[in-house]
Amino acid sequence: MFKVLAISALLLVLATEAANLGCKSQSNYSVDGKCPEGQVAVGGGFNCCDKADVYDIDSYACRGESVGPALGGMCFDGALAVADGECCEAAQAYAKNKK
């Protein structure tokens, strides 16, 4: 029984860490990690974003120079968080090809 619980806990942690979600539009603060209907928690659960604007940060890269670090997966308006914890001007961010 303990082995089943341990394996389940490990899989939950891996699944949670696999989703590094960001928001392509302006986000709002979550309340106790909960978001209104139609929105998803991003930025470690501290922010809410419309479902249509959610993306996987780790699948994006930057064509140009980083404009600074992404704090909790969030960047200033006009920039997107990309892989390696950096912010990139939205016009310079692109989705990496998945193999």
PDB file of N, CA and C in Angstrom:
ATOM      1  N   MET A   1       0.828  -1.195   0.000  1.00  0.00           N
ATOM      2  CA  MET A   1       0.000   0.000   0.000  1.00  0.00           C
ATOM      3  C   MET A   1       0.876   1.263   0.000  1.00  0.00           C
ATOM      4  N   PHE A   2       1.925   1.238   0.828  1.00  0.00           N
ATOM      5  CA  PHE A   2       2.800   2.404   0.904  1.00  0.00           C
ATOM      6  C   PHE A   2       3.475   2.667  -0.436  1.00  0.00           C
ATOM      7  N   LYS A   3       3.885   1.606  -1.131  1.00  0.00           N
ATOM      8  CA  LYS A   3       4.536   1.768  -2.434  1.00  0.00           C
ATOM      9  C   LYS A   3       3.601   2.419  -3.443  1.00  0.00           C
ATOM     10  N   VAL A   4       2.336   2.051  -3.399  1.00  0.00           N
ATOM     11  CA  VAL A   4       1.353   2.638  -4.316  1.00  0.00           C
ATOM     12  C   VAL A   4       1.209   4.130  -4.041  1.00  0.00           C
ATOM     13  N   LEU A   5       1.139   4.504  -2.762  1.00  0.00           N
ATOM     14  CA  LEU A   5       1.020   5.923  -2.406  1.00  0.00           C
ATOM     15  C   LEU A   5       2.280   6.692  -2.800  1.00  0.00           C
ATOM     16  N   ALA A   6       3.438   6.098  -2.569  1.00  0.00           N
ATOM     17  CA  ALA A   6       4.689   6.769  -2.916  1.00  0.00           C
ATOM     18  C   ALA A   6       4.799   6.987  -4.422  1.00  0.00           C
ATOM     19  N   ILE A   7       4.450   5.989  -5.203  1.00  0.00           N
ATOM     20  CA  ILE A   7       4.503   6.117  -6.663  1.00  0.00           C
ATOM     21  C   ILE A   7       3.487   7.145  -7.146  1.00  0.00           C
ATOM     22  N   SER A   8       2.301   7.151  -6.564  1.00  0.00           N
ATOM     23  CA  SER A   8       1.274   8.131  -6.940  1.00  0.00           C
ATOM     24  C   SER A   8       1.738   9.542  -6.635  1.00  0.00           C
ATOM     25  N   ALA A   9       2.359   9.733  -5.475  1.00  0.00           N
ATOM     26  CA  ALA A   9       2.861  11.055  -5.104  1.00  0.00           C
ATOM     27  C   ALA A   9       3.956  11.504  -6.059  1.00  0.00           C
ATOM     28  N   LEU A  10       4.849  10.605  -6.430  1.00  0.00           N
ATOM     29  CA  LEU A  10       5.917  10.940  -7.365  1.00  0.00           C
ATOM     30  C   LEU A  10       5.358  11.345  -8.722  1.00  0.00           C
ATOM     31  N   LEU A  11       4.392  10.596  -9.222  1.00  0.00           N
ATOM     32  CA  LEU A  11       3.777  10.928 -10.512  1.00  0.00           C
ATOM     33  C   LEU A  11       3.068  12.273 -10.458  1.00  0.00           C
ATOM     34  N   LEU A  12       2.430  12.581  -9.340  1.00  0.00           N
ATOM     35  CA  LEU A  12       1.756  13.871  -9.188  1.00  0.00           C
ATOM     36  C   LEU A  12       2.771  15.005  -9.240  1.00  0.00           C
ATOM     37  N   VAL A  13       3.894  14.850  -8.549  1.00  0.00           N
ATOM     38  CA  VAL A  13       4.935  15.877  -8.560  1.00  0.00           C
ATOM     39  C   VAL A  13       5.485  16.054  -9.968  1.00  0.00           C
ATOM     40  N   LEU A  14       5.765  14.971 -10.663  1.00  0.00           N
ATOM     41  CA  LEU A  14       6.286  15.070 -12.026  1.00  0.00           C
ATOM     42  C   LEU A  14       5.292  15.734 -12.964  1.00  0.00           C
ATOM     43  N   ALA A  15       4.022  15.412 -12.839  1.00  0.00           N
ATOM     44  CA  ALA A  15       2.996  16.015 -13.693  1.00  0.00           C
ATOM     45  C   ALA A  15       2.850  17.491 -13.391  1.00  0.00           C
ATOM     46  N   THR A  16       2.945  17.864 -12.121  1.00  0.00           N
ATOM     47  CA  THR A  16       2.811  19.265 -11.735  1.00  0.00           C
ATOM     48  C   THR A  16       3.985  20.072 -12.258  1.00  0.00           C
ATOM     49  N   GLU A  17       5.197  19.530 -12.146  1.00  0.00           N
ATOM     50  CA  GLU A  17       6.371  20.255 -12.606  1.00  0.00           C
ATOM     51  C   GLU A  17       6.451  20.316 -14.121  1.00  0.00           C
ATOM     52  N   ALA A  18       5.805  19.411 -14.811  1.00  0.00           N
ATOM     53  CA  ALA A  18       5.853  19.388 -16.268  1.00  0.00           C
ATOM     54  C   ALA A  18       5.114  20.567 -16.877  1.00  0.00           C
ATOM     55  N   ALA A  19       4.121  21.078 -16.193  1.00  0.00           N
ATOM     56  CA  ALA A  19       3.332  22.184 -16.714  1.00  0.00           C
ATOM     57  C   ALA A  19       3.875  23.497 -16.163  1.00  0.00           C
ATOM     58  N   ASN A  20       4.614  24.226 -16.973  1.00  0.00           N
ATOM     59  CA  ASN A  20       5.163  25.525 -16.606  1.00  0.00           C
ATOM     60  C   ASN A  20       4.391  26.554 -17.426  1.00  0.00           C
ATOM     61  N   LEU A  21       3.250  26.971 -16.908  1.00  0.00           N
ATOM     62  CA  LEU A  21       2.307  27.770 -17.690  1.00  0.00           C
ATOM     63  C   LEU A  21       2.545  29.265 -17.554  1.00  0.00           C
ATOM     64  N   GLY A  22       2.398  29.958 -18.672  1.00  0.00           N
ATOM     65  CA  GLY A  22       2.478  31.401 -18.714  1.00  0.00           C
ATOM     66  C   GLY A  22       1.239  31.964 -19.389  1.00  0.00           C
ATOM     67  N   CYS A  23       1.159  33.290 -19.444  1.00  0.00           N
ATOM     68  CA  CYS A  23      -0.009  33.967 -20.005  1.00  0.00           C
ATOM     69  C   CYS A  23       0.444  34.941 -21.088  1.00  0.00           C
ATOM     70  N   LYS A  24      -0.170  34.855 -22.269  1.00  0.00           N
ATOM     71  CA  LYS A  24       0.174  35.746 -23.382  1.00  0.00           C
ATOM     72  C   LYS A  24      -0.477  37.118 -23.242  1.00  0.00           C
ATOM     73  N   SER A  25      -1.467  37.233 -22.377  1.00  0.00           N
ATOM     74  CA  SER A  25      -2.127  38.521 -22.154  1.00  0.00           C
ATOM     75  C   SER A  25      -1.907  38.933 -20.700  1.00  0.00           C
ATOM     76  N   GLN A  26      -2.507  40.026 -20.317  1.00  0.00           N
ATOM     77  CA  GLN A  26      -2.377  40.480 -18.937  1.00  0.00           C
ATOM     78  C   GLN A  26      -3.105  39.512 -18.009  1.00  0.00           C
ATOM     79  N   SER A  27      -2.477  39.183 -16.900  1.00  0.00           N
ATOM     80  CA  SER A  27      -3.087  38.259 -15.944  1.00  0.00           C
ATOM     81  C   SER A  27      -3.627  39.022 -14.739  1.00  0.00           C
ATOM     82  N   ASN A  28      -4.452  38.338 -13.963  1.00  0.00           N
ATOM     83  CA  ASN A  28      -5.021  38.886 -12.735  1.00  0.00           C
ATOM     84  C   ASN A  28      -4.541  38.038 -11.572  1.00  0.00           C
ATOM     85  N   TYR A  29      -4.592  38.587 -10.366  1.00  0.00           N
ATOM     86  CA  TYR A  29      -4.193  37.825  -9.188  1.00  0.00           C
ATOM     87  C   TYR A  29      -5.236  36.772  -8.853  1.00  0.00           C
ATOM     88  N   SER A  30      -4.767  35.600  -8.431  1.00  0.00           N
ATOM     89  CA  SER A  30      -5.690  34.552  -7.986  1.00  0.00           C
ATOM     90  C   SER A  30      -6.029  34.792  -6.518  1.00  0.00           C
ATOM     91  N   VAL A  31      -7.109  34.206  -6.075  1.00  0.00           N
ATOM     92  CA  VAL A  31      -7.512  34.293  -4.674  1.00  0.00           C
ATOM     93  C   VAL A  31      -7.335  32.906  -4.077  1.00  0.00           C
ATOM     94  N   ASP A  32      -6.367  32.781  -3.184  1.00  0.00           N
ATOM     95  CA  ASP A  32      -6.042  31.485  -2.576  1.00  0.00           C
ATOM     96  C   ASP A  32      -5.750  30.424  -3.630  1.00  0.00           C
ATOM     97  N   GLY A  33      -5.101  30.814  -4.732  1.00  0.00           N
ATOM     98  CA  GLY A  33      -4.745  29.872  -5.787  1.00  0.00           C
ATOM     99  C   GLY A  33      -5.903  29.465  -6.680  1.00  0.00           C
ATOM    100  N   LYS A  34      -7.045  30.125  -6.529  1.00  0.00           N
ATOM    101  CA  LYS A  34      -8.223  29.790  -7.339  1.00  0.00           C
ATOM    102  C   LYS A  34      -8.522  30.924  -8.307  1.00  0.00           C
ATOM    103  N   CYS A  35      -9.006  30.538  -9.484  1.00  0.00           N
ATOM    104  CA  CYS A  35      -9.310  31.503 -10.537  1.00  0.00           C
ATOM    105  C   CYS A  35     -10.786  31.443 -10.901  1.00  0.00           C
ATOM    106  N   PRO A  36     -11.320  32.544 -11.459  1.00  0.00           N
ATOM    107  CA  PRO A  36     -12.713  32.550 -11.914  1.00  0.00           C
ATOM    108  C   PRO A  36     -12.936  31.554 -13.051  1.00  0.00           C
ATOM    109  N   GLU A  37     -14.178  31.246 -13.297  1.00  0.00           N
ATOM    110  CA  GLU A  37     -14.570  30.354 -14.397  1.00  0.00           C
ATOM    111  C   GLU A  37     -13.975  30.871 -15.704  1.00  0.00           C
ATOM    112  N   GLY A  38     -13.394  29.974 -16.499  1.00  0.00           N
ATOM    113  CA  GLY A  38     -12.828  30.346 -17.792  1.00  0.00           C
ATOM    114  C   GLY A  38     -11.384  30.788 -17.726  1.00  0.00           C
ATOM    115  N   GLN A  39     -10.793  30.781 -16.516  1.00  0.00           N
ATOM    116  CA  GLN A  39      -9.396  31.165 -16.374  1.00  0.00           C
ATOM    117  C   GLN A  39      -8.600  30.028 -15.742  1.00  0.00           C
ATOM    118  N   VAL A  40      -7.283  30.073 -15.927  1.00  0.00           N
ATOM    119  CA  VAL A  40      -6.376  29.036 -15.453  1.00  0.00           C
ATOM    120  C   VAL A  40      -5.313  29.685 -14.576  1.00  0.00           C
ATOM    121  N   ALA A  41      -4.898  28.989 -13.531  1.00  0.00           N
ATOM    122  CA  ALA A  41      -3.829  29.484 -12.664  1.00  0.00           C
ATOM    123  C   ALA A  41      -2.486  29.353 -13.379  1.00  0.00           C
ATOM    124  N   VAL A  42      -1.695  30.419 -13.378  1.00  0.00           N
ATOM    125  CA  VAL A  42      -0.356  30.435 -13.972  1.00  0.00           C
ATOM    126  C   VAL A  42       0.594  31.103 -12.984  1.00  0.00           C
ATOM    127  N   GLY A  43       1.869  31.128 -13.320  1.00  0.00           N
ATOM    128  CA  GLY A  43       2.830  31.813 -12.455  1.00  0.00           C
ATOM    129  C   GLY A  43       2.888  31.222 -11.065  1.00  0.00           C
ATOM    130  N   GLY A  44       2.906  29.902 -10.983  1.00  0.00           N
ATOM    131  CA  GLY A  44       2.966  29.248  -9.688  1.00  0.00           C
ATOM    132  C   GLY A  44       1.657  29.282  -8.936  1.00  0.00           C
ATOM    133  N   GLY A  45       0.564  29.589  -9.629  1.00  0.00           N
ATOM    134  CA  GLY A  45      -0.748  29.624  -8.997  1.00  0.00           C
ATOM    135  C   GLY A  45      -1.109  30.974  -8.406  1.00  0.00           C
ATOM    136  N   PHE A  46      -0.237  31.973  -8.568  1.00  0.00           N
ATOM    137  CA  PHE A  46      -0.495  33.292  -8.009  1.00  0.00           C
ATOM    138  C   PHE A  46      -1.291  34.191  -8.945  1.00  0.00           C
ATOM    139  N   ASN A  47      -1.375  33.821 -10.208  1.00  0.00           N
ATOM    140  CA  ASN A  47      -2.064  34.640 -11.202  1.00  0.00           C
ATOM    141  C   ASN A  47      -3.063  33.805 -11.986  1.00  0.00           C
ATOM    142  N   CYS A  48      -4.041  34.491 -12.584  1.00  0.00           N
ATOM    143  CA  CYS A  48      -5.060  33.842 -13.408  1.00  0.00           C
ATOM    144  C   CYS A  48      -4.984  34.405 -14.823  1.00  0.00           C
ATOM    145  N   CYS A  49      -5.240  33.542 -15.790  1.00  0.00           N
ATOM    146  CA  CYS A  49      -5.151  33.923 -17.196  1.00  0.00           C
ATOM    147  C   CYS A  49      -6.309  33.290 -17.953  1.00  0.00           C
ATOM    148  N   ASP A  50      -6.830  33.996 -18.962  1.00  0.00           N
ATOM    149  CA  ASP A  50      -7.863  33.410 -19.815  1.00  0.00           C
ATOM    150  C   ASP A  50      -7.315  32.138 -20.450  1.00  0.00           C
ATOM    151  N   LYS A  51      -8.148  31.093 -20.517  1.00  0.00           N
ATOM    152  CA  LYS A  51      -7.710  29.796 -21.055  1.00  0.00           C
ATOM    153  C   LYS A  51      -7.088  29.926 -22.439  1.00  0.00           C
ATOM    154  N   ALA A  52      -7.634  30.795 -23.275  1.00  0.00           N
ATOM    155  CA  ALA A  52      -7.154  30.938 -24.656  1.00  0.00           C
ATOM    156  C   ALA A  52      -5.747  31.533 -24.725  1.00  0.00           C
ATOM    157  N   ASP A  53      -5.296  32.203 -23.663  1.00  0.00           N
ATOM    158  CA  ASP A  53      -3.996  32.871 -23.666  1.00  0.00           C
ATOM    159  C   ASP A  53      -2.910  32.108 -22.913  1.00  0.00           C
ATOM    160  N   VAL A  54      -3.222  30.921 -22.418  1.00  0.00           N
ATOM    161  CA  VAL A  54      -2.256  30.124 -21.656  1.00  0.00           C
ATOM    162  C   VAL A  54      -1.324  29.380 -22.615  1.00  0.00           C
ATOM    163  N   TYR A  55      -0.041  29.347 -22.282  1.00  0.00           N
ATOM    164  CA  TYR A  55       0.935  28.609 -23.090  1.00  0.00           C
ATOM    165  C   TYR A  55       1.969  27.955 -22.176  1.00  0.00           C
ATOM    166  N   ASP A  56       2.686  26.976 -22.712  1.00  0.00           N
ATOM    167  CA  ASP A  56       3.741  26.282 -21.980  1.00  0.00           C
ATOM    168  C   ASP A  56       5.042  27.060 -22.159  1.00  0.00           C
ATOM    169  N   ILE A  57       5.518  27.668 -21.090  1.00  0.00           N
ATOM    170  CA  ILE A  57       6.717  28.505 -21.137  1.00  0.00           C
ATOM    171  C   ILE A  57       7.912  27.741 -21.702  1.00  0.00           C
ATOM    172  N   ASP A  58       8.058  26.488 -21.301  1.00  0.00           N
ATOM    173  CA  ASP A  58       9.222  25.701 -21.720  1.00  0.00           C
ATOM    174  C   ASP A  58       9.244  25.390 -23.213  1.00  0.00           C
ATOM    175  N   SER A  59       8.130  25.606 -23.903  1.00  0.00           N
ATOM    176  CA  SER A  59       8.096  25.333 -25.344  1.00  0.00           C
ATOM    177  C   SER A  59       8.364  26.594 -26.166  1.00  0.00           C
ATOM    178  N   TYR A  60       8.724  27.694 -25.512  1.00  0.00           N
ATOM    179  CA  TYR A  60       9.009  28.945 -26.211  1.00  0.00           C
ATOM    180  C   TYR A  60      10.467  29.358 -26.029  1.00  0.00           C
ATOM    181  N   ALA A  61      11.008  30.028 -27.035  1.00  0.00           N
ATOM    182  CA  ALA A  61      12.372  30.554 -27.002  1.00  0.00           C
ATOM    183  C   ALA A  61      12.341  31.985 -27.533  1.00  0.00           C
ATOM    184  N   CYS A  62      13.495  32.644 -27.492  1.00  0.00           N
ATOM    185  CA  CYS A  62      13.586  34.044 -27.904  1.00  0.00           C
ATOM    186  C   CYS A  62      14.559  34.185 -29.068  1.00  0.00           C
ATOM    187  N   ARG A  63      14.136  34.893 -30.126  1.00  0.00           N
ATOM    188  CA  ARG A  63      15.012  35.148 -31.278  1.00  0.00           C
ATOM    189  C   ARG A  63      16.069  36.199 -30.939  1.00  0.00           C
ATOM    190  N   GLY A  64      15.722  37.124 -30.084  1.00  0.00           N
ATOM    191  CA  GLY A  64      16.628  38.216 -29.743  1.00  0.00           C
ATOM    192  C   GLY A  64      17.175  38.078 -28.335  1.00  0.00           C
ATOM    193  N   GLU A  65      17.577  39.203 -27.786  1.00  0.00           N
ATOM    194  CA  GLU A  65      18.138  39.247 -26.438  1.00  0.00           C
ATOM    195  C   GLU A  65      17.030  39.176 -25.393  1.00  0.00           C
ATOM    196  N   SER A  66      17.348  38.575 -24.276  1.00  0.00           N
ATOM    197  CA  SER A  66      16.445  38.566 -23.131  1.00  0.00           C
ATOM    198  C   SER A  66      16.303  39.996 -22.616  1.00  0.00           C
ATOM    199  N   VAL A  67      15.122  40.340 -22.124  1.00  0.00           N
ATOM    200  CA  VAL A  67      14.914  41.669 -21.544  1.00  0.00           C
ATOM    201  C   VAL A  67      14.862  41.584 -20.024  1.00  0.00           C
ATOM    202  N   GLY A  68      15.303  40.458 -19.473  1.00  0.00           N
ATOM    203  CA  GLY A  68      15.365  40.299 -18.024  1.00  0.00           C
ATOM    204  C   GLY A  68      14.798  38.967 -17.581  1.00  0.00           C
ATOM    205  N   PRO A  69      14.908  38.700 -16.284  1.00  0.00           N
ATOM    206  CA  PRO A  69      14.410  37.426 -15.760  1.00  0.00           C
ATOM    207  C   PRO A  69      12.894  37.421 -15.602  1.00  0.00           C
ATOM    208  N   ALA A  70      12.308  36.252 -15.796  1.00  0.00           N
ATOM    209  CA  ALA A  70      10.873  36.069 -15.535  1.00  0.00           C
ATOM    210  C   ALA A  70      10.726  35.759 -14.052  1.00  0.00           C
ATOM    211  N   LEU A  71       9.974  36.546 -13.348  1.00  0.00           N
ATOM    212  CA  LEU A  71       9.778  36.352 -11.917  1.00  0.00           C
ATOM    213  C   LEU A  71       8.524  35.527 -11.691  1.00  0.00           C
ATOM    214  N   GLY A  72       8.703  34.303 -11.232  1.00  0.00           N
ATOM    215  CA  GLY A  72       7.559  33.417 -11.036  1.00  0.00           C
ATOM    216  C   GLY A  72       6.847  33.108 -12.338  1.00  0.00           C
ATOM    217  N   GLY A  73       7.584  33.104 -13.440  1.00  0.00           N
ATOM    218  CA  GLY A  73       6.991  32.824 -14.741  1.00  0.00           C
ATOM    219  C   GLY A  73       6.240  34.001 -15.335  1.00  0.00           C
ATOM    220  N   MET A  74       6.393  35.182 -14.757  1.00  0.00           N
ATOM    221  CA  MET A  74       5.674  36.362 -15.234  1.00  0.00           C
ATOM    222  C   MET A  74       6.667  37.429 -15.699  1.00  0.00           C
ATOM    223  N   CYS A  75       6.259  38.183 -16.726  1.00  0.00           N
ATOM    224  CA  CYS A  75       7.057  39.278 -17.270  1.00  0.00           C
ATOM    225  C   CYS A  75       6.193  40.535 -17.353  1.00  0.00           C
ATOM    226  N   PHE A  76       6.831  41.671 -17.598  1.00  0.00           N
ATOM    227  CA  PHE A  76       6.095  42.922 -17.753  1.00  0.00           C
ATOM    228  C   PHE A  76       5.268  42.879 -19.033  1.00  0.00           C
ATOM    229  N   ASP A  77       4.299  43.776 -19.141  1.00  0.00           N
ATOM    230  CA  ASP A  77       3.447  43.818 -20.333  1.00  0.00           C
ATOM    231  C   ASP A  77       4.303  43.986 -21.588  1.00  0.00           C
ATOM    232  N   GLY A  78       3.955  43.226 -22.616  1.00  0.00           N
ATOM    233  CA  GLY A  78       4.676  43.293 -23.878  1.00  0.00           C
ATOM    234  C   GLY A  78       5.805  42.281 -23.981  1.00  0.00           C
ATOM    235  N   ALA A  79       5.997  41.484 -22.923  1.00  0.00           N
ATOM    236  CA  ALA A  79       7.038  40.455 -22.943  1.00  0.00           C
ATOM    237  C   ALA A  79       6.440  39.121 -22.517  1.00  0.00           C
ATOM    238  N   LEU A  80       7.029  38.032 -23.008  1.00  0.00           N
ATOM    239  CA  LEU A  80       6.592  36.682 -22.652  1.00  0.00           C
ATOM    240  C   LEU A  80       7.722  35.950 -21.944  1.00  0.00           C
ATOM    241  N   ALA A  81       7.359  35.129 -20.974  1.00  0.00           N
ATOM    242  CA  ALA A  81       8.336  34.254 -20.332  1.00  0.00           C
ATOM    243  C   ALA A  81       8.662  33.124 -21.303  1.00  0.00           C
ATOM    244  N   VAL A  82       9.946  32.822 -21.435  1.00  0.00           N
ATOM    245  CA  VAL A  82      10.388  31.735 -22.308  1.00  0.00           C
ATOM    246  C   VAL A  82      11.226  30.761 -21.482  1.00  0.00           C
ATOM    247  N   ALA A  83      11.629  29.657 -22.115  1.00  0.00           N
ATOM    248  CA  ALA A  83      12.446  28.653 -21.433  1.00  0.00           C
ATOM    249  C   ALA A  83      13.674  29.315 -20.809  1.00  0.00           C
ATOM    250  N   ASP A  84      14.208  28.698 -19.794  1.00  0.00           N
ATOM    251  CA  ASP A  84      15.378  29.189 -19.056  1.00  0.00           C
ATOM    252  C   ASP A  84      15.053  30.386 -18.178  1.00  0.00           C
ATOM    253  N   GLY A  85      13.768  30.639 -17.914  1.00  0.00           N
ATOM    254  CA  GLY A  85      13.378  31.670 -16.956  1.00  0.00           C
ATOM    255  C   GLY A  85      13.644  33.095 -17.385  1.00  0.00           C
ATOM    256  N   GLU A  86      13.632  33.358 -18.663  1.00  0.00           N
ATOM    257  CA  GLU A  86      13.893  34.702 -19.177  1.00  0.00           C
ATOM    258  C   GLU A  86      12.637  35.328 -19.766  1.00  0.00           C
ATOM    259  N   CYS A  87      12.639  36.661 -19.863  1.00  0.00           N
ATOM    260  CA  CYS A  87      11.567  37.395 -20.532  1.00  0.00           C
ATOM    261  C   CYS A  87      12.065  37.819 -21.913  1.00  0.00           C
ATOM    262  N   CYS A  88      11.164  37.789 -22.864  1.00  0.00           N
ATOM    263  CA  CYS A  88      11.488  38.116 -24.250  1.00  0.00           C
ATOM    264  C   CYS A  88      10.381  39.021 -24.785  1.00  0.00           C
ATOM    265  N   GLU A  89      10.756  40.026 -25.586  1.00  0.00           N
ATOM    266  CA  GLU A  89       9.724  40.841 -26.217  1.00  0.00           C
ATOM    267  C   GLU A  89       8.800  39.917 -26.992  1.00  0.00           C
ATOM    268  N   ALA A  90       7.493  40.145 -26.892  1.00  0.00           N
ATOM    269  CA  ALA A  90       6.500  39.248 -27.496  1.00  0.00           C
ATOM    270  C   ALA A  90       6.764  39.020 -28.984  1.00  0.00           C
ATOM    271  N   ALA A  91       7.202  40.053 -29.691  1.00  0.00           N
ATOM    272  CA  ALA A  91       7.457  39.924 -31.128  1.00  0.00           C
ATOM    273  C   ALA A  91       8.658  39.022 -31.418  1.00  0.00           C
ATOM    274  N   GLN A  92       9.537  38.820 -30.436  1.00  0.00           N
ATOM    275  CA  GLN A  92      10.738  38.001 -30.614  1.00  0.00           C
ATOM    276  C   GLN A  92      10.570  36.568 -30.104  1.00  0.00           C
ATOM    277  N   ALA A  93       9.467  36.294 -29.395  1.00  0.00           N
ATOM    278  CA  ALA A  93       9.232  34.955 -28.841  1.00  0.00           C
ATOM    279  C   ALA A  93       8.630  34.047 -29.908  1.00  0.00           C
ATOM    280  N   TYR A  94       9.053  32.792 -29.900  1.00  0.00           N
ATOM    281  CA  TYR A  94       8.505  31.831 -30.861  1.00  0.00           C
ATOM    282  C   TYR A  94       8.393  30.456 -30.211  1.00  0.00           C
ATOM    283  N   ALA A  95       7.460  29.659 -30.734  1.00  0.00           N
ATOM    284  CA  ALA A  95       7.268  28.289 -30.243  1.00  0.00           C
ATOM    285  C   ALA A  95       8.343  27.398 -30.844  1.00  0.00           C
ATOM    286  N   LYS A  96       9.063  26.688 -29.985  1.00  0.00           N
ATOM    287  CA  LYS A  96      10.090  25.757 -30.459  1.00  0.00           C
ATOM    288  C   LYS A  96       9.409  24.537 -31.060  1.00  0.00           C
ATOM    289  N   ASN A  97      10.060  23.926 -32.041  1.00  0.00           N
ATOM    290  CA  ASN A  97       9.536  22.689 -32.638  1.00  0.00           C
ATOM    291  C   ASN A  97       9.723  21.546 -31.669  1.00  0.00           C
ATOM    292  N   LYS A  98       8.686  20.744 -31.522  1.00  0.00           N
ATOM    293  CA  LYS A  98       8.791  19.559 -30.676  1.00  0.00           C
ATOM    294  C   LYS A  98       9.152  18.380 -31.546  1.00  0.00           C
ATOM    295  N   LYS A  99      10.094  17.586 -31.094  1.00  0.00           N
ATOM    296  CA  LYS A  99      10.548  16.427 -31.869  1.00  0.00           C
ATOM    297  C   LYS A  99       9.887  15.176 -31.388  1.00  0.00           C
TER     298      LYS A  99
END
